[in-house]
Amino acid sequence: MRQDYASGKTPWDSGVPSSELIRSVEAGELPGTTLLELGCGTGTNAIELARRGYRVKAIDLVELAVERAREKARKAGVTLEFLSGDLTKLDLGGPFDCLFDLGLYHGLRNRDLVGFLSTLRRVSRPGTRWLSLAGNAKEVLPDGPPVVREEEFRAELEPLFRILRVREFRFDLRPDFQPLAWSILAERR
């Protein structure tokens, strides 16, 4: 990941807020005022959420991505907090009203699902909403995102979260790169 940001090979970083995130926000699916973005990259979605009135904290493992996010937020004139580091090991505060990730769950689940779920438990409370946008195993692409099957995410997440809505959509990363994805809206039990 660090090398990808250094070389500019970041197909997941379109520089445009996720249309699925915007749809969910405008549909009222992420109520509240405090939001934690997990795996924020260069901050595009975090900045958009701050513009829309959320008090945002955002974290990414890659310091270079976070440095770029801070600069983008400064230029955009929005205030939010960016952190860099391993989200399974840091105190992220909370609990938050909402959680958001675009592509973090689908990648981290195979490396440290237990640590990720422990983090979700720490940063949420009953009623916290979580929107996770994840690669869909119905379409596996050679250069596409990690993928997850519906029965897998239900088995992994439902002990801690109640799944409110699942829908298929396409990541709108670039006109020539729109992999099939899941939009998973869940609420902490």
N, C-alpha and C. Protein backbone atom coordinates (compact mmCIF):
# COMPACT_ATOMS: atom_id res chain seq x y z
N MET A 1 0.83 -1.20 0.00
CA MET A 1 0.00 0.00 0.00
C MET A 1 0.87 1.26 0.00
N ARG A 2 1.89 1.29 0.86
CA ARG A 2 2.74 2.47 0.90
C ARG A 2 3.37 2.74 -0.46
N GLN A 3 3.86 1.65 -1.10
CA GLN A 3 4.47 1.80 -2.41
C GLN A 3 3.46 2.28 -3.44
N ASP A 4 2.22 1.83 -3.32
CA ASP A 4 1.18 2.25 -4.26
C ASP A 4 0.97 3.77 -4.19
N TYR A 5 0.87 4.30 -2.97
CA TYR A 5 0.69 5.75 -2.83
C TYR A 5 1.92 6.50 -3.31
N ALA A 6 3.11 5.99 -3.02
CA ALA A 6 4.34 6.65 -3.45
C ALA A 6 4.46 6.67 -4.97
N SER A 7 4.02 5.59 -5.63
CA SER A 7 4.13 5.50 -7.09
C SER A 7 2.93 6.10 -7.81
N GLY A 8 1.85 6.36 -7.08
CA GLY A 8 0.63 6.89 -7.70
C GLY A 8 -0.26 5.82 -8.29
N LYS A 9 0.04 4.55 -8.02
CA LYS A 9 -0.77 3.45 -8.54
C LYS A 9 -1.87 3.12 -7.53
N THR A 10 -2.89 3.95 -7.51
CA THR A 10 -3.97 3.80 -6.54
C THR A 10 -5.33 3.83 -7.27
N PRO A 11 -5.70 2.74 -7.93
CA PRO A 11 -6.95 2.74 -8.70
C PRO A 11 -8.19 2.94 -7.83
N TRP A 12 -8.08 2.72 -6.54
CA TRP A 12 -9.22 2.90 -5.64
C TRP A 12 -9.42 4.37 -5.27
N ASP A 13 -8.47 5.22 -5.59
CA ASP A 13 -8.51 6.63 -5.19
C ASP A 13 -8.88 7.50 -6.38
N SER A 14 -10.18 7.65 -6.62
CA SER A 14 -10.67 8.38 -7.80
C SER A 14 -10.60 9.89 -7.60
N GLY A 15 -10.54 10.35 -6.35
CA GLY A 15 -10.59 11.78 -6.10
C GLY A 15 -12.01 12.34 -6.11
N VAL A 16 -12.99 11.47 -6.29
CA VAL A 16 -14.40 11.86 -6.34
C VAL A 16 -15.13 11.09 -5.23
N PRO A 17 -15.98 11.77 -4.44
CA PRO A 17 -16.70 11.04 -3.39
C PRO A 17 -17.53 9.89 -3.97
N SER A 18 -17.64 8.83 -3.20
CA SER A 18 -18.40 7.66 -3.62
C SER A 18 -19.88 8.01 -3.81
N SER A 19 -20.41 7.71 -4.99
CA SER A 19 -21.83 8.00 -5.24
C SER A 19 -22.71 7.14 -4.32
N GLU A 20 -22.26 5.95 -3.96
CA GLU A 20 -23.05 5.09 -3.06
C GLU A 20 -23.08 5.68 -1.66
N LEU A 21 -21.96 6.24 -1.21
CA LEU A 21 -21.94 6.93 0.08
C LEU A 21 -22.90 8.11 0.06
N ILE A 22 -22.83 8.93 -0.97
CA ILE A 22 -23.70 10.11 -1.08
C ILE A 22 -25.16 9.67 -1.10
N ARG A 23 -25.48 8.61 -1.85
CA ARG A 23 -26.86 8.10 -1.90
C ARG A 23 -27.33 7.72 -0.50
N SER A 24 -26.48 7.03 0.25
CA SER A 24 -26.84 6.59 1.60
C SER A 24 -27.04 7.78 2.54
N VAL A 25 -26.15 8.76 2.46
CA VAL A 25 -26.28 9.96 3.30
C VAL A 25 -27.58 10.69 2.97
N GLU A 26 -27.83 10.90 1.69
CA GLU A 26 -29.03 11.64 1.27
C GLU A 26 -30.31 10.86 1.57
N ALA A 27 -30.23 9.55 1.69
CA ALA A 27 -31.39 8.73 2.04
C ALA A 27 -31.61 8.69 3.56
N GLY A 28 -30.74 9.35 4.32
CA GLY A 28 -30.88 9.38 5.77
C GLY A 28 -30.44 8.11 6.46
N GLU A 29 -29.62 7.30 5.79
CA GLU A 29 -29.20 6.02 6.36
C GLU A 29 -28.08 6.14 7.39
N LEU A 30 -27.45 7.31 7.47
CA LEU A 30 -26.35 7.52 8.42
C LEU A 30 -26.70 8.68 9.35
N PRO A 31 -27.64 8.46 10.28
CA PRO A 31 -28.06 9.53 11.17
C PRO A 31 -27.02 9.83 12.24
N GLY A 32 -27.09 11.03 12.77
CA GLY A 32 -26.18 11.42 13.84
C GLY A 32 -25.22 12.49 13.36
N THR A 33 -24.24 12.78 14.20
CA THR A 33 -23.31 13.85 13.88
C THR A 33 -21.85 13.41 13.87
N THR A 34 -21.51 12.33 14.56
CA THR A 34 -20.11 11.90 14.62
C THR A 34 -19.91 10.69 13.73
N LEU A 35 -18.81 10.70 12.97
CA LEU A 35 -18.57 9.64 12.01
C LEU A 35 -17.08 9.31 11.98
N LEU A 36 -16.79 8.02 11.96
CA LEU A 36 -15.42 7.53 11.84
C LEU A 36 -15.30 6.83 10.50
N GLU A 37 -14.35 7.31 9.67
CA GLU A 37 -14.06 6.61 8.42
C GLU A 37 -12.83 5.74 8.63
N LEU A 38 -12.98 4.47 8.34
CA LEU A 38 -11.93 3.48 8.49
C LEU A 38 -11.29 3.23 7.13
N GLY A 39 -10.01 3.54 7.01
CA GLY A 39 -9.32 3.39 5.74
C GLY A 39 -9.65 4.54 4.80
N CYS A 40 -9.31 5.76 5.21
CA CYS A 40 -9.75 6.96 4.50
C CYS A 40 -8.92 7.31 3.27
N GLY A 41 -7.78 6.67 3.06
CA GLY A 41 -6.96 7.03 1.91
C GLY A 41 -6.59 8.50 1.95
N THR A 42 -6.74 9.18 0.82
CA THR A 42 -6.39 10.60 0.75
C THR A 42 -7.53 11.53 1.15
N GLY A 43 -8.55 10.98 1.79
CA GLY A 43 -9.56 11.81 2.46
C GLY A 43 -10.73 12.29 1.65
N THR A 44 -10.88 11.85 0.43
CA THR A 44 -11.96 12.36 -0.42
C THR A 44 -13.33 12.22 0.23
N ASN A 45 -13.66 11.04 0.72
CA ASN A 45 -14.98 10.82 1.32
C ASN A 45 -15.10 11.51 2.68
N ALA A 46 -14.04 11.49 3.47
CA ALA A 46 -14.06 12.16 4.78
C ALA A 46 -14.32 13.65 4.62
N ILE A 47 -13.69 14.26 3.64
CA ILE A 47 -13.88 15.69 3.38
C ILE A 47 -15.32 15.95 2.97
N GLU A 48 -15.86 15.14 2.09
CA GLU A 48 -17.26 15.31 1.67
C GLU A 48 -18.21 15.16 2.85
N LEU A 49 -17.94 14.20 3.73
CA LEU A 49 -18.79 14.02 4.91
C LEU A 49 -18.70 15.22 5.85
N ALA A 50 -17.51 15.79 6.01
CA ALA A 50 -17.36 17.00 6.83
C ALA A 50 -18.11 18.16 6.20
N ARG A 51 -18.07 18.28 4.89
CA ARG A 51 -18.83 19.34 4.20
C ARG A 51 -20.32 19.20 4.47
N ARG A 52 -20.77 17.97 4.66
CA ARG A 52 -22.19 17.71 4.87
C ARG A 52 -22.58 17.78 6.35
N GLY A 53 -21.67 18.24 7.20
CA GLY A 53 -22.02 18.52 8.58
C GLY A 53 -21.60 17.48 9.62
N TYR A 54 -21.02 16.38 9.21
CA TYR A 54 -20.55 15.40 10.18
C TYR A 54 -19.26 15.89 10.85
N ARG A 55 -19.10 15.55 12.12
CA ARG A 55 -17.80 15.71 12.79
C ARG A 55 -17.04 14.42 12.52
N VAL A 56 -16.04 14.52 11.67
CA VAL A 56 -15.39 13.34 11.12
C VAL A 56 -14.01 13.13 11.73
N LYS A 57 -13.75 11.88 12.06
CA LYS A 57 -12.41 11.40 12.36
C LYS A 57 -12.15 10.32 11.32
N ALA A 58 -10.95 10.33 10.75
CA ALA A 58 -10.64 9.37 9.68
C ALA A 58 -9.24 8.82 9.89
N ILE A 59 -9.08 7.55 9.59
CA ILE A 59 -7.79 6.88 9.80
C ILE A 59 -7.40 6.07 8.58
N ASP A 60 -6.09 6.05 8.33
CA ASP A 60 -5.54 5.18 7.31
C ASP A 60 -4.19 4.67 7.79
N LEU A 61 -3.83 3.50 7.34
CA LEU A 61 -2.56 2.89 7.72
C LEU A 61 -1.37 3.63 7.12
N VAL A 62 -1.56 4.22 5.94
CA VAL A 62 -0.46 4.81 5.17
C VAL A 62 -0.31 6.29 5.49
N GLU A 63 0.81 6.65 6.10
CA GLU A 63 1.06 8.05 6.49
C GLU A 63 1.03 8.99 5.29
N LEU A 64 1.59 8.59 4.16
CA LEU A 64 1.59 9.45 2.97
C LEU A 64 0.17 9.78 2.53
N ALA A 65 -0.73 8.80 2.58
CA ALA A 65 -2.13 9.05 2.23
C ALA A 65 -2.74 10.06 3.20
N VAL A 66 -2.45 9.92 4.48
CA VAL A 66 -3.00 10.83 5.49
C VAL A 66 -2.43 12.24 5.32
N GLU A 67 -1.16 12.35 4.99
CA GLU A 67 -0.57 13.67 4.72
C GLU A 67 -1.30 14.35 3.56
N ARG A 68 -1.56 13.59 2.52
CA ARG A 68 -2.31 14.13 1.37
C ARG A 68 -3.73 14.51 1.77
N ALA A 69 -4.36 13.70 2.62
CA ALA A 69 -5.71 14.00 3.09
C ALA A 69 -5.74 15.30 3.88
N ARG A 70 -4.77 15.49 4.75
CA ARG A 70 -4.72 16.73 5.54
C ARG A 70 -4.59 17.95 4.64
N GLU A 71 -3.75 17.84 3.62
CA GLU A 71 -3.57 18.96 2.69
C GLU A 71 -4.85 19.22 1.90
N LYS A 72 -5.52 18.16 1.44
CA LYS A 72 -6.78 18.33 0.72
C LYS A 72 -7.84 18.99 1.61
N ALA A 73 -7.90 18.59 2.87
CA ALA A 73 -8.88 19.18 3.79
C ALA A 73 -8.58 20.65 4.03
N ARG A 74 -7.28 20.97 4.19
CA ARG A 74 -6.89 22.37 4.39
C ARG A 74 -7.33 23.20 3.18
N LYS A 75 -7.05 22.71 1.98
CA LYS A 75 -7.43 23.44 0.75
C LYS A 75 -8.95 23.55 0.62
N ALA A 76 -9.67 22.54 1.09
CA ALA A 76 -11.14 22.55 1.02
C ALA A 76 -11.76 23.41 2.11
N GLY A 77 -10.96 23.79 3.10
CA GLY A 77 -11.48 24.64 4.18
C GLY A 77 -12.39 23.91 5.15
N VAL A 78 -12.18 22.61 5.32
CA VAL A 78 -13.00 21.84 6.27
C VAL A 78 -12.12 21.36 7.41
N THR A 79 -12.76 21.20 8.57
CA THR A 79 -12.06 20.74 9.75
C THR A 79 -12.48 19.31 10.07
N LEU A 80 -11.47 18.45 10.16
CA LEU A 80 -11.69 17.09 10.60
C LEU A 80 -10.37 16.54 11.09
N GLU A 81 -10.43 15.42 11.76
CA GLU A 81 -9.22 14.83 12.34
C GLU A 81 -8.80 13.62 11.55
N PHE A 82 -7.53 13.61 11.12
CA PHE A 82 -6.96 12.47 10.43
C PHE A 82 -5.92 11.82 11.32
N LEU A 83 -5.92 10.49 11.34
CA LEU A 83 -4.94 9.71 12.07
C LEU A 83 -4.27 8.73 11.12
N SER A 84 -3.03 8.39 11.43
CA SER A 84 -2.32 7.39 10.66
C SER A 84 -1.88 6.28 11.60
N GLY A 85 -2.08 5.04 11.18
CA GLY A 85 -1.64 3.91 11.98
C GLY A 85 -2.57 2.73 11.82
N ASP A 86 -2.27 1.69 12.57
CA ASP A 86 -3.03 0.45 12.55
C ASP A 86 -4.29 0.63 13.40
N LEU A 87 -5.43 0.65 12.77
CA LEU A 87 -6.68 0.93 13.49
C LEU A 87 -7.01 -0.14 14.52
N THR A 88 -6.42 -1.31 14.41
CA THR A 88 -6.69 -2.36 15.39
C THR A 88 -5.88 -2.14 16.67
N LYS A 89 -4.93 -1.21 16.63
CA LYS A 89 -4.07 -0.98 17.79
C LYS A 89 -4.21 0.39 18.42
N LEU A 90 -4.82 1.34 17.73
CA LEU A 90 -4.93 2.71 18.23
C LEU A 90 -6.23 2.94 18.99
N ASP A 91 -6.19 3.90 19.90
CA ASP A 91 -7.42 4.37 20.56
C ASP A 91 -8.05 5.40 19.63
N LEU A 92 -9.15 5.05 19.04
CA LEU A 92 -9.81 5.92 18.07
C LEU A 92 -10.90 6.79 18.68
N GLY A 93 -11.13 6.63 19.99
CA GLY A 93 -12.18 7.40 20.62
C GLY A 93 -13.54 6.77 20.36
N GLY A 94 -14.54 7.62 20.46
CA GLY A 94 -15.90 7.14 20.24
C GLY A 94 -16.62 6.93 21.56
N PRO A 95 -17.76 6.34 21.52
CA PRO A 95 -18.36 5.72 20.35
C PRO A 95 -18.89 6.77 19.36
N PHE A 96 -18.94 6.37 18.10
CA PHE A 96 -19.40 7.23 17.02
C PHE A 96 -20.83 6.87 16.65
N ASP A 97 -21.54 7.86 16.08
CA ASP A 97 -22.89 7.61 15.59
C ASP A 97 -22.86 6.75 14.34
N CYS A 98 -21.82 6.95 13.51
CA CYS A 98 -21.72 6.24 12.23
C CYS A 98 -20.29 5.83 11.96
N LEU A 99 -20.16 4.75 11.22
CA LEU A 99 -18.88 4.26 10.73
C LEU A 99 -19.01 4.11 9.22
N PHE A 100 -17.89 4.31 8.52
CA PHE A 100 -17.89 4.14 7.06
C PHE A 100 -16.57 3.55 6.63
N ASP A 101 -16.64 2.60 5.71
CA ASP A 101 -15.42 2.15 5.05
C ASP A 101 -15.73 1.83 3.60
N LEU A 102 -14.81 2.23 2.76
CA LEU A 102 -14.87 1.88 1.35
C LEU A 102 -13.66 0.97 1.11
N GLY A 103 -13.90 -0.32 1.14
CA GLY A 103 -12.85 -1.27 0.81
C GLY A 103 -11.91 -1.67 1.93
N LEU A 104 -12.20 -1.29 3.15
CA LEU A 104 -11.32 -1.73 4.23
C LEU A 104 -11.74 -3.12 4.73
N TYR A 105 -13.01 -3.28 5.04
CA TYR A 105 -13.48 -4.57 5.55
C TYR A 105 -13.10 -5.70 4.60
N HIS A 106 -13.34 -5.53 3.30
CA HIS A 106 -13.10 -6.64 2.36
C HIS A 106 -11.63 -7.02 2.27
N GLY A 107 -10.71 -6.12 2.58
CA GLY A 107 -9.30 -6.43 2.58
C GLY A 107 -8.78 -6.93 3.91
N LEU A 108 -9.26 -6.33 4.99
CA LEU A 108 -8.76 -6.64 6.33
C LEU A 108 -9.33 -7.95 6.88
N ARG A 109 -10.49 -8.35 6.40
CA ARG A 109 -11.15 -9.55 6.94
C ARG A 109 -10.30 -10.80 6.82
N ASN A 110 -9.47 -10.89 5.80
CA ASN A 110 -8.63 -12.07 5.63
C ASN A 110 -7.32 -11.98 6.39
N ARG A 111 -6.96 -10.81 6.85
CA ARG A 111 -5.70 -10.64 7.59
C ARG A 111 -5.91 -10.58 9.10
N ASP A 112 -6.98 -9.90 9.54
CA ASP A 112 -7.18 -9.74 10.98
C ASP A 112 -8.65 -9.43 11.29
N LEU A 113 -9.52 -10.36 10.97
CA LEU A 113 -10.95 -10.16 11.22
C LEU A 113 -11.22 -9.96 12.71
N VAL A 114 -10.57 -10.74 13.56
CA VAL A 114 -10.80 -10.62 15.01
C VAL A 114 -10.41 -9.22 15.49
N GLY A 115 -9.26 -8.72 15.07
CA GLY A 115 -8.82 -7.38 15.47
C GLY A 115 -9.75 -6.31 14.93
N PHE A 116 -10.21 -6.48 13.68
CA PHE A 116 -11.12 -5.51 13.08
C PHE A 116 -12.45 -5.47 13.84
N LEU A 117 -13.01 -6.64 14.13
CA LEU A 117 -14.27 -6.68 14.86
C LEU A 117 -14.11 -6.11 16.27
N SER A 118 -12.98 -6.34 16.89
CA SER A 118 -12.71 -5.76 18.21
C SER A 118 -12.69 -4.23 18.13
N THR A 119 -12.08 -3.71 17.07
CA THR A 119 -12.07 -2.25 16.86
C THR A 119 -13.49 -1.73 16.67
N LEU A 120 -14.28 -2.42 15.83
CA LEU A 120 -15.66 -1.99 15.61
C LEU A 120 -16.44 -1.97 16.92
N ARG A 121 -16.21 -2.95 17.77
CA ARG A 121 -16.89 -3.00 19.08
C ARG A 121 -16.51 -1.78 19.92
N ARG A 122 -15.22 -1.43 19.92
CA ARG A 122 -14.73 -0.31 20.74
C ARG A 122 -15.25 1.05 20.27
N VAL A 123 -15.41 1.23 18.95
CA VAL A 123 -15.75 2.56 18.43
C VAL A 123 -17.24 2.74 18.21
N SER A 124 -18.04 1.73 18.54
CA SER A 124 -19.48 1.81 18.33
C SER A 124 -20.23 1.56 19.63
N ARG A 125 -21.53 1.74 19.55
CA ARG A 125 -22.44 1.48 20.66
C ARG A 125 -23.72 0.94 20.04
N PRO A 126 -24.61 0.36 20.83
CA PRO A 126 -25.88 -0.07 20.23
C PRO A 126 -26.54 1.10 19.49
N GLY A 127 -26.91 0.86 18.26
CA GLY A 127 -27.53 1.89 17.42
C GLY A 127 -26.58 2.55 16.44
N THR A 128 -25.27 2.39 16.62
CA THR A 128 -24.32 2.94 15.65
C THR A 128 -24.56 2.31 14.29
N ARG A 129 -24.61 3.14 13.25
CA ARG A 129 -24.79 2.66 11.89
C ARG A 129 -23.42 2.53 11.22
N TRP A 130 -23.27 1.50 10.40
CA TRP A 130 -22.03 1.27 9.66
C TRP A 130 -22.37 1.00 8.21
N LEU A 131 -21.78 1.79 7.32
CA LEU A 131 -21.90 1.55 5.88
C LEU A 131 -20.56 1.02 5.40
N SER A 132 -20.57 -0.20 4.89
CA SER A 132 -19.37 -0.83 4.35
C SER A 132 -19.58 -1.10 2.87
N LEU A 133 -18.66 -0.61 2.06
CA LEU A 133 -18.70 -0.85 0.62
C LEU A 133 -17.58 -1.84 0.31
N ALA A 134 -17.97 -3.02 -0.15
CA ALA A 134 -17.02 -4.14 -0.27
C ALA A 134 -17.13 -4.81 -1.62
N GLY A 135 -16.02 -5.38 -2.07
CA GLY A 135 -16.01 -6.13 -3.32
C GLY A 135 -16.95 -7.32 -3.26
N ASN A 136 -17.62 -7.57 -4.37
CA ASN A 136 -18.65 -8.60 -4.47
C ASN A 136 -18.08 -9.84 -5.16
N ALA A 137 -18.15 -11.00 -4.50
CA ALA A 137 -17.58 -12.24 -5.03
C ALA A 137 -18.31 -12.76 -6.26
N LYS A 138 -19.43 -12.16 -6.64
CA LYS A 138 -20.10 -12.57 -7.87
C LYS A 138 -19.32 -12.14 -9.11
N GLU A 139 -18.34 -11.24 -8.90
CA GLU A 139 -17.51 -10.77 -10.02
C GLU A 139 -16.07 -10.62 -9.52
N VAL A 140 -15.26 -11.60 -9.84
CA VAL A 140 -13.86 -11.57 -9.45
C VAL A 140 -13.04 -11.11 -10.66
N LEU A 141 -12.34 -10.01 -10.50
CA LEU A 141 -11.53 -9.45 -11.59
C LEU A 141 -10.05 -9.62 -11.28
N PRO A 142 -9.22 -9.87 -12.29
CA PRO A 142 -7.79 -10.05 -12.03
C PRO A 142 -7.15 -8.88 -11.28
N ASP A 143 -7.50 -7.66 -11.63
CA ASP A 143 -6.95 -6.48 -10.95
C ASP A 143 -8.00 -5.80 -10.08
N GLY A 144 -9.06 -6.53 -9.74
CA GLY A 144 -10.14 -5.95 -8.97
C GLY A 144 -9.89 -6.01 -7.48
N PRO A 145 -10.85 -5.51 -6.72
CA PRO A 145 -10.71 -5.49 -5.27
C PRO A 145 -10.85 -6.88 -4.67
N PRO A 146 -10.41 -7.05 -3.41
CA PRO A 146 -10.76 -8.28 -2.70
C PRO A 146 -12.28 -8.41 -2.67
N VAL A 147 -12.76 -9.62 -2.60
CA VAL A 147 -14.20 -9.84 -2.66
C VAL A 147 -14.68 -10.67 -1.48
N VAL A 148 -15.97 -10.59 -1.23
CA VAL A 148 -16.61 -11.33 -0.15
C VAL A 148 -17.98 -11.80 -0.64
N ARG A 149 -18.36 -12.99 -0.22
CA ARG A 149 -19.68 -13.52 -0.55
C ARG A 149 -20.68 -13.05 0.52
N GLU A 150 -21.95 -12.96 0.13
CA GLU A 150 -22.97 -12.50 1.08
C GLU A 150 -23.03 -13.38 2.31
N GLU A 151 -22.97 -14.69 2.14
CA GLU A 151 -23.03 -15.56 3.32
C GLU A 151 -21.83 -15.37 4.23
N GLU A 152 -20.68 -14.98 3.65
CA GLU A 152 -19.49 -14.72 4.48
C GLU A 152 -19.66 -13.46 5.32
N PHE A 153 -20.07 -12.34 4.69
CA PHE A 153 -20.18 -11.13 5.51
C PHE A 153 -21.31 -11.24 6.52
N ARG A 154 -22.36 -11.96 6.18
CA ARG A 154 -23.42 -12.14 7.18
C ARG A 154 -22.90 -12.94 8.38
N ALA A 155 -22.18 -14.02 8.12
CA ALA A 155 -21.64 -14.84 9.21
C ALA A 155 -20.62 -14.07 10.05
N GLU A 156 -19.81 -13.25 9.41
CA GLU A 156 -18.75 -12.52 10.12
C GLU A 156 -19.28 -11.31 10.90
N LEU A 157 -20.29 -10.65 10.37
CA LEU A 157 -20.72 -9.37 10.95
C LEU A 157 -21.96 -9.46 11.83
N GLU A 158 -22.85 -10.42 11.56
CA GLU A 158 -24.13 -10.44 12.28
C GLU A 158 -24.05 -10.73 13.77
N PRO A 159 -22.99 -11.33 14.28
CA PRO A 159 -22.95 -11.43 15.74
C PRO A 159 -22.89 -10.06 16.43
N LEU A 160 -22.26 -9.09 15.79
CA LEU A 160 -22.10 -7.76 16.38
C LEU A 160 -23.07 -6.73 15.80
N PHE A 161 -23.44 -6.89 14.54
CA PHE A 161 -24.29 -5.94 13.83
C PHE A 161 -25.51 -6.63 13.25
N ARG A 162 -26.61 -5.89 13.22
CA ARG A 162 -27.81 -6.34 12.52
C ARG A 162 -27.73 -5.75 11.11
N ILE A 163 -27.79 -6.59 10.09
CA ILE A 163 -27.74 -6.11 8.71
C ILE A 163 -29.10 -5.49 8.38
N LEU A 164 -29.11 -4.22 8.05
CA LEU A 164 -30.35 -3.51 7.74
C LEU A 164 -30.70 -3.57 6.25
N ARG A 165 -29.65 -3.52 5.43
CA ARG A 165 -29.87 -3.47 3.99
C ARG A 165 -28.61 -3.93 3.27
N VAL A 166 -28.81 -4.69 2.22
CA VAL A 166 -27.71 -5.09 1.34
C VAL A 166 -28.16 -4.79 -0.08
N ARG A 167 -27.29 -4.14 -0.83
CA ARG A 167 -27.60 -3.94 -2.24
C ARG A 167 -26.33 -4.01 -3.06
N GLU A 168 -26.50 -4.45 -4.29
CA GLU A 168 -25.37 -4.48 -5.21
C GLU A 168 -25.28 -3.15 -5.94
N PHE A 169 -24.07 -2.73 -6.22
CA PHE A 169 -23.83 -1.53 -7.01
C PHE A 169 -22.46 -1.71 -7.65
N ARG A 170 -22.03 -0.73 -8.39
CA ARG A 170 -20.69 -0.76 -8.99
C ARG A 170 -19.86 0.37 -8.40
N PHE A 171 -18.64 0.01 -7.96
CA PHE A 171 -17.71 1.05 -7.53
C PHE A 171 -17.53 2.01 -8.70
N ASP A 172 -17.59 3.30 -8.42
CA ASP A 172 -17.42 4.30 -9.48
C ASP A 172 -16.03 4.93 -9.37
N LEU A 173 -15.04 4.08 -9.53
CA LEU A 173 -13.66 4.52 -9.35
C LEU A 173 -13.13 5.24 -10.58
N ARG A 174 -13.34 4.66 -11.74
CA ARG A 174 -12.96 5.27 -13.02
C ARG A 174 -13.94 4.75 -14.06
N PRO A 175 -14.11 5.44 -15.17
CA PRO A 175 -15.02 4.94 -16.21
C PRO A 175 -14.66 3.53 -16.68
N ASP A 176 -13.37 3.19 -16.68
CA ASP A 176 -12.94 1.88 -17.17
C ASP A 176 -12.70 0.87 -16.04
N PHE A 177 -13.08 1.23 -14.81
CA PHE A 177 -12.84 0.35 -13.66
C PHE A 177 -13.99 0.51 -12.68
N GLN A 178 -15.02 -0.33 -12.86
CA GLN A 178 -16.22 -0.26 -12.03
C GLN A 178 -16.63 -1.65 -11.57
N PRO A 179 -15.84 -2.24 -10.66
CA PRO A 179 -16.14 -3.59 -10.19
C PRO A 179 -17.46 -3.68 -9.42
N LEU A 180 -18.08 -4.84 -9.50
CA LEU A 180 -19.30 -5.11 -8.75
C LEU A 180 -18.98 -5.08 -7.25
N ALA A 181 -19.90 -4.52 -6.48
CA ALA A 181 -19.65 -4.34 -5.05
C ALA A 181 -20.93 -4.54 -4.25
N TRP A 182 -20.73 -4.65 -2.94
CA TRP A 182 -21.82 -4.69 -1.97
C TRP A 182 -21.89 -3.36 -1.25
N SER A 183 -23.08 -2.88 -1.02
CA SER A 183 -23.33 -1.79 -0.09
C SER A 183 -24.05 -2.43 1.09
N ILE A 184 -23.33 -2.51 2.22
CA ILE A 184 -23.85 -3.18 3.40
C ILE A 184 -24.12 -2.13 4.48
N LEU A 185 -25.38 -1.95 4.82
CA LEU A 185 -25.76 -1.04 5.89
C LEU A 185 -26.12 -1.88 7.11
N ALA A 186 -25.43 -1.62 8.21
CA ALA A 186 -25.64 -2.41 9.41
C ALA A 186 -25.80 -1.50 10.62
N GLU A 187 -26.38 -2.05 11.67
CA GLU A 187 -26.57 -1.30 12.92
C GLU A 187 -26.07 -2.16 14.08
N ARG A 188 -25.30 -1.55 14.94
CA ARG A 188 -24.74 -2.27 16.08
C ARG A 188 -25.85 -2.78 17.00
N ARG A 189 -25.77 -4.03 17.39
CA ARG A 189 -26.74 -4.65 18.29
C ARG A 189 -26.57 -4.12 19.70
